[in-house]
């Protein structure tokens, strides 16, 4: 049993660049995805191939289309093109059908039942495919899948505690656990470490590594330190299109990425995407203010 609210640190397989390619490998393939809002193309011809075992980070300035991409995958917004999970077309399906196909997603604010215990939250999530009468029937024990999820997310010691008393980071871990007990093998996480302490970010990164070794995990993120520490591969979006893809080092060195981040925020670019060879930094008088319309990596959903 792990300590209260502390994620386990046992040895485990970790995600690798390119994923665990081989027979039976699960994947998510997106081809020519376009999302049009009354003539404005929030996503414009996006192609992505995401393999099981590759912890993929999706980054880009505000308005790049990152969150819209995962909204389209999960059926929250309509799009054109193709989104397939291991050969099964998802585009056009209802939200609940996509969830039952094994695609789960979290939001920037954790969606948990705060008046119920951690265990009850997981039990409800695990019962998403059961009848009402089965869910109401009194249990004589904890399902193995729930015990495993509790251990994975580090909340075993808090299983009988109300979810409402959990710290911010712990609520995010619980929401991830609720996807795990539903057997989701494609997880789309929208800014999972927003508002977390440094310790919570570290533990969340280790959690993503654990679950990412056996699943397809996509993380929409603005925290570039977190991205550099835990991503195995990165896709960069700008203005609704993919402009770069590769390892963290490859993306940081990509001229297009540097141009996107340096174009209106040169003074802070090195902190945003890591060390790069940059032109002379303009004086503070020439730098855009925080209210500029330029790219920002600190707030807002893309």
Protein backbone atom coordinates (compact mmCIF):
# COMPACT_ATOMS: atom_id res chain seq x y z
CA UNK A 1 0.00 0.00 0.00
CA UNK A 2 1.32 3.43 -0.81
CA UNK A 3 1.34 6.37 1.54
CA UNK A 4 -1.58 8.74 1.79
CA UNK A 5 -1.88 10.63 -1.48
CA UNK A 6 1.56 9.52 -2.70
CA UNK A 7 1.94 7.82 -6.04
CA UNK A 8 3.74 4.44 -6.13
CA UNK A 9 7.31 4.35 -7.37
CA UNK A 10 7.75 0.68 -8.21
CA UNK A 11 9.73 -0.27 -11.31
CA UNK A 12 7.67 -0.29 -14.49
CA UNK A 13 7.97 -0.10 -18.23
CA UNK A 14 8.07 3.45 -19.56
CA UNK A 15 6.77 5.05 -22.77
CA UNK A 16 9.20 5.19 -25.67
CA UNK A 17 9.49 7.36 -28.75
CA UNK A 18 7.31 5.86 -31.48
CA UNK A 19 5.41 3.64 -29.03
CA UNK A 20 5.47 -0.12 -28.64
CA UNK A 21 5.19 -1.03 -32.30
CA UNK A 22 4.30 -4.63 -33.06
CA UNK A 23 1.47 -7.04 -33.64
CA UNK A 24 -1.65 -6.02 -31.74
CA UNK A 25 -0.44 -2.49 -31.00
CA UNK A 26 -3.33 -0.09 -30.42
CA UNK A 27 -3.22 3.27 -32.16
CA UNK A 28 -5.18 6.42 -32.89
CA UNK A 29 -4.95 7.76 -36.43
CA UNK A 30 -6.19 11.21 -37.46
CA UNK A 31 -6.28 12.16 -41.13
CA UNK A 32 -7.17 15.56 -42.64
CA UNK A 33 -9.17 16.56 -39.56
CA UNK A 34 -10.91 19.89 -40.04
CA UNK A 35 -13.20 21.64 -37.55
CA UNK A 36 -15.04 24.65 -38.91
CA UNK A 37 -16.91 27.11 -36.70
CA UNK A 38 -19.06 29.24 -39.01
CA UNK A 39 -16.26 29.70 -41.52
CA UNK A 40 -13.40 29.84 -38.99
CA UNK A 41 -11.22 26.74 -39.25
CA UNK A 42 -10.11 26.06 -35.70
CA UNK A 43 -8.47 22.85 -36.95
CA UNK A 44 -7.33 22.70 -40.55
CA UNK A 45 -6.21 19.43 -42.14
CA UNK A 46 -4.51 17.89 -39.10
CA UNK A 47 -2.77 14.51 -39.48
CA UNK A 48 -1.63 12.59 -36.39
CA UNK A 49 -0.68 8.98 -35.72
CA UNK A 50 -0.48 8.08 -32.04
CA UNK A 51 0.76 4.66 -30.94
CA UNK A 52 0.33 2.78 -27.69
CA UNK A 53 3.33 3.37 -25.46
CA UNK A 54 4.24 6.83 -26.76
CA UNK A 55 3.54 9.65 -24.27
CA UNK A 56 2.64 12.37 -26.78
CA UNK A 57 2.42 16.04 -25.80
CA UNK A 58 0.35 18.43 -27.90
CA UNK A 59 1.62 22.00 -27.56
CA UNK A 60 1.21 25.35 -29.26
CA UNK A 61 0.24 28.96 -28.59
CA UNK A 62 -3.25 29.96 -27.49
CA UNK A 63 -5.80 29.38 -30.22
CA UNK A 64 -3.66 26.74 -31.95
CA UNK A 65 -6.49 24.19 -31.92
CA UNK A 66 -5.09 21.73 -29.38
CA UNK A 67 -8.19 21.32 -27.22
CA UNK A 68 -10.41 21.40 -30.31
CA UNK A 69 -8.55 18.38 -31.69
CA UNK A 70 -9.31 16.28 -28.61
CA UNK A 71 -12.87 17.63 -28.54
CA UNK A 72 -13.28 16.28 -32.08
CA UNK A 73 -11.77 12.91 -31.16
CA UNK A 74 -14.21 12.52 -28.27
CA UNK A 75 -17.24 13.69 -30.25
CA UNK A 76 -17.79 16.99 -28.44
CA UNK A 77 -17.46 18.96 -31.66
CA UNK A 78 -18.17 17.95 -35.25
CA UNK A 79 -15.39 17.64 -37.76
CA UNK A 80 -14.56 16.27 -41.18
CA UNK A 81 -11.82 13.91 -42.25
CA UNK A 82 -11.09 10.66 -40.42
CA UNK A 83 -10.39 9.63 -36.83
CA UNK A 84 -9.86 5.90 -36.36
CA UNK A 85 -8.91 3.84 -33.33
CA UNK A 86 -7.06 0.74 -34.42
CA UNK A 87 -9.00 0.75 -37.69
CA UNK A 88 -12.43 1.62 -36.21
CA UNK A 89 -13.78 4.95 -37.46
CA UNK A 90 -14.83 7.29 -34.63
CA UNK A 91 -15.76 10.45 -36.49
CA UNK A 92 -19.53 10.82 -36.52
CA UNK A 93 -20.14 8.56 -33.51
CA UNK A 94 -21.88 9.76 -30.35
CA UNK A 95 -19.85 10.72 -27.27
CA UNK A 96 -20.92 7.62 -25.33
CA UNK A 97 -20.11 5.34 -28.26
CA UNK A 98 -16.61 6.77 -28.47
CA UNK A 99 -16.16 6.31 -24.72
CA UNK A 100 -17.26 2.68 -24.97
CA UNK A 101 -14.72 2.20 -27.75
CA UNK A 102 -12.02 2.89 -25.15
CA UNK A 103 -11.37 6.61 -25.62
CA UNK A 104 -11.36 8.66 -22.42
CA UNK A 105 -10.64 12.31 -21.72
CA UNK A 106 -10.13 14.63 -18.80
CA UNK A 107 -10.82 18.34 -18.56
CA UNK A 108 -8.84 21.17 -17.01
CA UNK A 109 -11.15 21.02 -13.98
CA UNK A 110 -11.51 17.51 -12.58
CA UNK A 111 -15.03 16.08 -12.84
CA UNK A 112 -15.53 13.92 -9.75
CA UNK A 113 -18.44 13.31 -7.37
CA UNK A 114 -17.18 15.26 -4.36
CA UNK A 115 -19.80 13.99 -1.90
CA UNK A 116 -18.93 10.36 -2.66
CA UNK A 117 -15.83 8.51 -1.56
CA UNK A 118 -12.87 7.85 -3.80
CA UNK A 119 -13.90 4.20 -3.95
CA UNK A 120 -17.50 5.06 -4.86
CA UNK A 121 -16.30 7.34 -7.66
CA UNK A 122 -14.25 4.51 -9.13
CA UNK A 123 -17.08 2.01 -8.64
CA UNK A 124 -19.53 4.24 -10.53
CA UNK A 125 -17.01 4.68 -13.34
CA UNK A 126 -16.38 0.94 -13.48
CA UNK A 127 -20.14 0.37 -13.68
CA UNK A 128 -20.65 2.55 -16.73
CA UNK A 129 -21.45 -0.56 -18.74
CA UNK A 130 -23.57 -2.29 -16.07
CA UNK A 131 -27.30 -2.15 -15.56
CA UNK A 132 -28.81 0.12 -12.90
CA UNK A 133 -29.88 -2.88 -10.82
CA UNK A 134 -26.37 -4.34 -10.86
CA UNK A 135 -24.89 -1.01 -9.75
CA UNK A 136 -27.39 -0.70 -6.89
CA UNK A 137 -26.68 -4.21 -5.64
CA UNK A 138 -24.48 -4.17 -2.53
CA UNK A 139 -20.92 -5.28 -3.22
CA UNK A 140 -19.21 -7.96 -1.15
CA UNK A 141 -15.75 -6.67 -2.00
CA UNK A 142 -13.75 -4.34 -4.17
CA UNK A 143 -13.36 -5.22 -7.82
CA UNK A 144 -9.77 -6.14 -8.74
CA UNK A 145 -9.74 -3.49 -11.47
CA UNK A 146 -10.60 -0.85 -8.85
CA UNK A 147 -7.93 -2.09 -6.44
CA UNK A 148 -5.40 -1.90 -9.24
CA UNK A 149 -6.50 1.61 -10.19
CA UNK A 150 -6.27 2.79 -6.57
CA UNK A 151 -2.73 1.50 -6.40
CA UNK A 152 -1.80 3.04 -9.74
CA UNK A 153 -3.11 6.52 -8.86
CA UNK A 154 -1.77 6.40 -5.32
CA UNK A 155 -5.07 6.81 -3.49
CA UNK A 156 -5.42 3.43 -1.77
CA UNK A 157 -5.09 5.00 1.68
CA UNK A 158 -7.82 7.51 0.80
CA UNK A 159 -10.27 5.04 -0.72
CA UNK A 160 -12.94 5.69 1.92
CA UNK A 161 -12.45 9.46 2.04
CA UNK A 162 -14.85 11.86 0.32
CA UNK A 163 -13.47 13.03 -3.00
CA UNK A 164 -14.26 16.60 -1.95
CA UNK A 165 -11.43 16.65 0.61
CA UNK A 166 -8.77 15.64 -1.89
CA UNK A 167 -6.09 18.09 -2.92
CA UNK A 168 -6.27 19.51 -6.43
CA UNK A 169 -3.71 17.10 -7.82
CA UNK A 170 -5.35 14.11 -6.15
CA UNK A 171 -8.68 14.94 -7.83
CA UNK A 172 -6.92 14.85 -11.19
CA UNK A 173 -5.43 11.46 -10.32
CA UNK A 174 -8.87 10.21 -9.33
CA UNK A 175 -10.33 11.33 -12.65
CA UNK A 176 -7.55 9.46 -14.45
CA UNK A 177 -8.34 6.43 -12.31
CA UNK A 178 -11.99 6.66 -13.37
CA UNK A 179 -10.84 6.30 -16.97
CA UNK A 180 -8.59 3.37 -16.11
CA UNK A 181 -11.43 1.36 -14.54
CA UNK A 182 -13.43 1.89 -17.74
CA UNK A 183 -10.59 0.15 -19.61
CA UNK A 184 -9.86 3.25 -21.68
CA UNK A 185 -6.74 2.58 -23.73
CA UNK A 186 -6.67 6.00 -25.40
CA UNK A 187 -6.43 8.81 -22.84
CA UNK A 188 -6.66 12.47 -23.84
CA UNK A 189 -5.67 14.77 -20.98
CA UNK A 190 -6.30 18.52 -21.16
CA UNK A 191 -3.70 20.42 -19.12
CA UNK A 192 -3.57 17.84 -16.31
CA UNK A 193 -1.03 19.75 -14.17
CA UNK A 194 -2.62 23.22 -14.36
CA UNK A 195 -2.69 24.70 -10.85
CA UNK A 196 -0.60 21.91 -9.30
CA UNK A 197 2.32 22.32 -6.94
CA UNK A 198 5.81 21.31 -8.11
CA UNK A 199 5.55 18.05 -6.15
CA UNK A 200 2.14 17.25 -7.63
CA UNK A 201 3.45 17.93 -11.15
CA UNK A 202 6.33 15.54 -10.59
CA UNK A 203 4.07 12.80 -9.27
CA UNK A 204 1.57 13.35 -12.08
CA UNK A 205 4.35 13.01 -14.64
CA UNK A 206 5.41 9.71 -13.10
CA UNK A 207 1.78 8.55 -13.18
CA UNK A 208 1.53 9.40 -16.88
CA UNK A 209 4.70 7.43 -17.55
CA UNK A 210 3.25 4.40 -15.78
CA UNK A 211 -0.07 4.42 -17.59
CA UNK A 212 1.48 5.59 -20.87
CA UNK A 213 3.63 2.51 -21.27
CA UNK A 214 0.55 0.40 -22.02
CA UNK A 215 -1.83 2.96 -23.53
CA UNK A 216 -2.06 5.76 -26.04
CA UNK A 217 -1.78 8.94 -23.97
CA UNK A 218 -2.04 12.45 -25.40
CA UNK A 219 -1.39 15.45 -23.14
CA UNK A 220 -2.44 18.99 -24.10
CA UNK A 221 -0.06 21.17 -22.14
CA UNK A 222 1.16 24.74 -21.68
CA UNK A 223 3.75 23.91 -18.99
CA UNK A 224 6.93 23.57 -21.05
CA UNK A 225 9.07 22.44 -18.11
CA UNK A 226 6.63 19.59 -17.57
CA UNK A 227 6.68 18.77 -21.28
CA UNK A 228 10.48 18.66 -21.42
CA UNK A 229 10.63 16.42 -18.35
CA UNK A 230 8.06 13.78 -19.37
CA UNK A 231 7.20 13.83 -23.09
CA UNK A 232 8.55 11.06 -25.30
CA UNK A 233 7.30 12.86 -28.42
CA UNK A 234 5.76 16.25 -29.18
CA UNK A 235 3.38 17.64 -31.79
CA UNK A 236 3.24 21.40 -32.24
CA UNK A 237 0.11 23.13 -33.57
CA UNK A 238 -0.26 26.70 -34.75
CA UNK A 239 -3.34 28.27 -36.33
CA UNK A 240 -5.06 24.90 -36.47
CA UNK A 241 -2.27 23.08 -38.32
CA UNK A 242 0.60 20.77 -37.38
CA UNK A 243 3.87 22.63 -37.89
CA UNK A 244 6.31 20.19 -36.25
CA UNK A 245 6.54 16.75 -34.71
CA UNK A 246 9.31 14.73 -33.10
CA UNK A 247 11.29 14.38 -29.91
CA UNK A 248 11.58 17.27 -27.46
CA UNK A 249 15.04 18.12 -28.79
CA UNK A 250 13.89 18.00 -32.41
CA UNK A 251 10.92 20.26 -31.74
CA UNK A 252 12.98 22.77 -29.77
CA UNK A 253 15.45 23.01 -32.67
CA UNK A 254 12.76 23.32 -35.36
CA UNK A 255 12.89 26.75 -37.09
CA UNK A 256 9.11 26.83 -37.59
CA UNK A 257 8.53 26.28 -33.87
CA UNK A 258 11.04 28.96 -32.99
CA UNK A 259 9.34 31.35 -35.39
CA UNK A 260 5.90 30.72 -33.87
CA UNK A 261 7.10 31.33 -30.32
CA UNK A 262 9.66 34.00 -31.15
CA UNK A 263 7.47 35.96 -33.51
CA UNK A 264 5.64 37.91 -30.80
CA UNK A 265 7.28 36.77 -27.58
CA UNK A 266 11.02 36.73 -28.28
CA UNK A 267 11.98 37.88 -24.83
CA UNK A 268 10.46 34.82 -23.17
CA UNK A 269 10.98 32.23 -25.88
CA UNK A 270 13.90 30.45 -24.27
CA UNK A 271 11.86 29.81 -21.13
CA UNK A 272 8.92 28.66 -23.26
CA UNK A 273 10.45 26.06 -25.57
CA UNK A 274 13.93 25.57 -24.16
CA UNK A 275 17.35 26.84 -25.22
CA UNK A 276 17.45 27.91 -28.86
CA UNK A 277 19.71 30.09 -30.97
CA UNK A 278 17.75 33.32 -31.10
CA UNK A 279 18.23 36.68 -32.73
CA UNK A 280 19.05 39.66 -30.55
CA UNK A 281 16.39 40.03 -27.89
CA UNK A 282 14.45 43.29 -28.22
CA UNK A 283 14.41 45.70 -25.34
CA UNK A 284 11.62 45.56 -22.81
CA UNK A 285 10.12 48.65 -24.42
CA UNK A 286 9.77 46.78 -27.71
CA UNK A 287 8.50 43.53 -26.17
CA UNK A 288 4.74 42.82 -26.31
CA UNK A 289 2.78 43.25 -23.12
CA UNK A 290 0.87 40.46 -21.39
CA UNK A 291 -2.25 41.73 -23.10
CA UNK A 292 -0.73 41.18 -26.54
CA UNK A 293 -2.61 39.03 -29.03
CA UNK A 294 0.57 37.01 -29.56
CA UNK A 295 1.16 33.40 -28.50
CA UNK A 296 1.07 32.60 -24.80
CA UNK A 297 2.00 29.38 -23.07
CA UNK A 298 0.73 30.24 -19.64
CA UNK A 299 -3.02 30.49 -19.84
CA UNK A 300 -6.04 29.80 -21.95
CA UNK A 301 -7.00 26.62 -23.74
CA UNK A 302 -5.85 26.06 -27.27
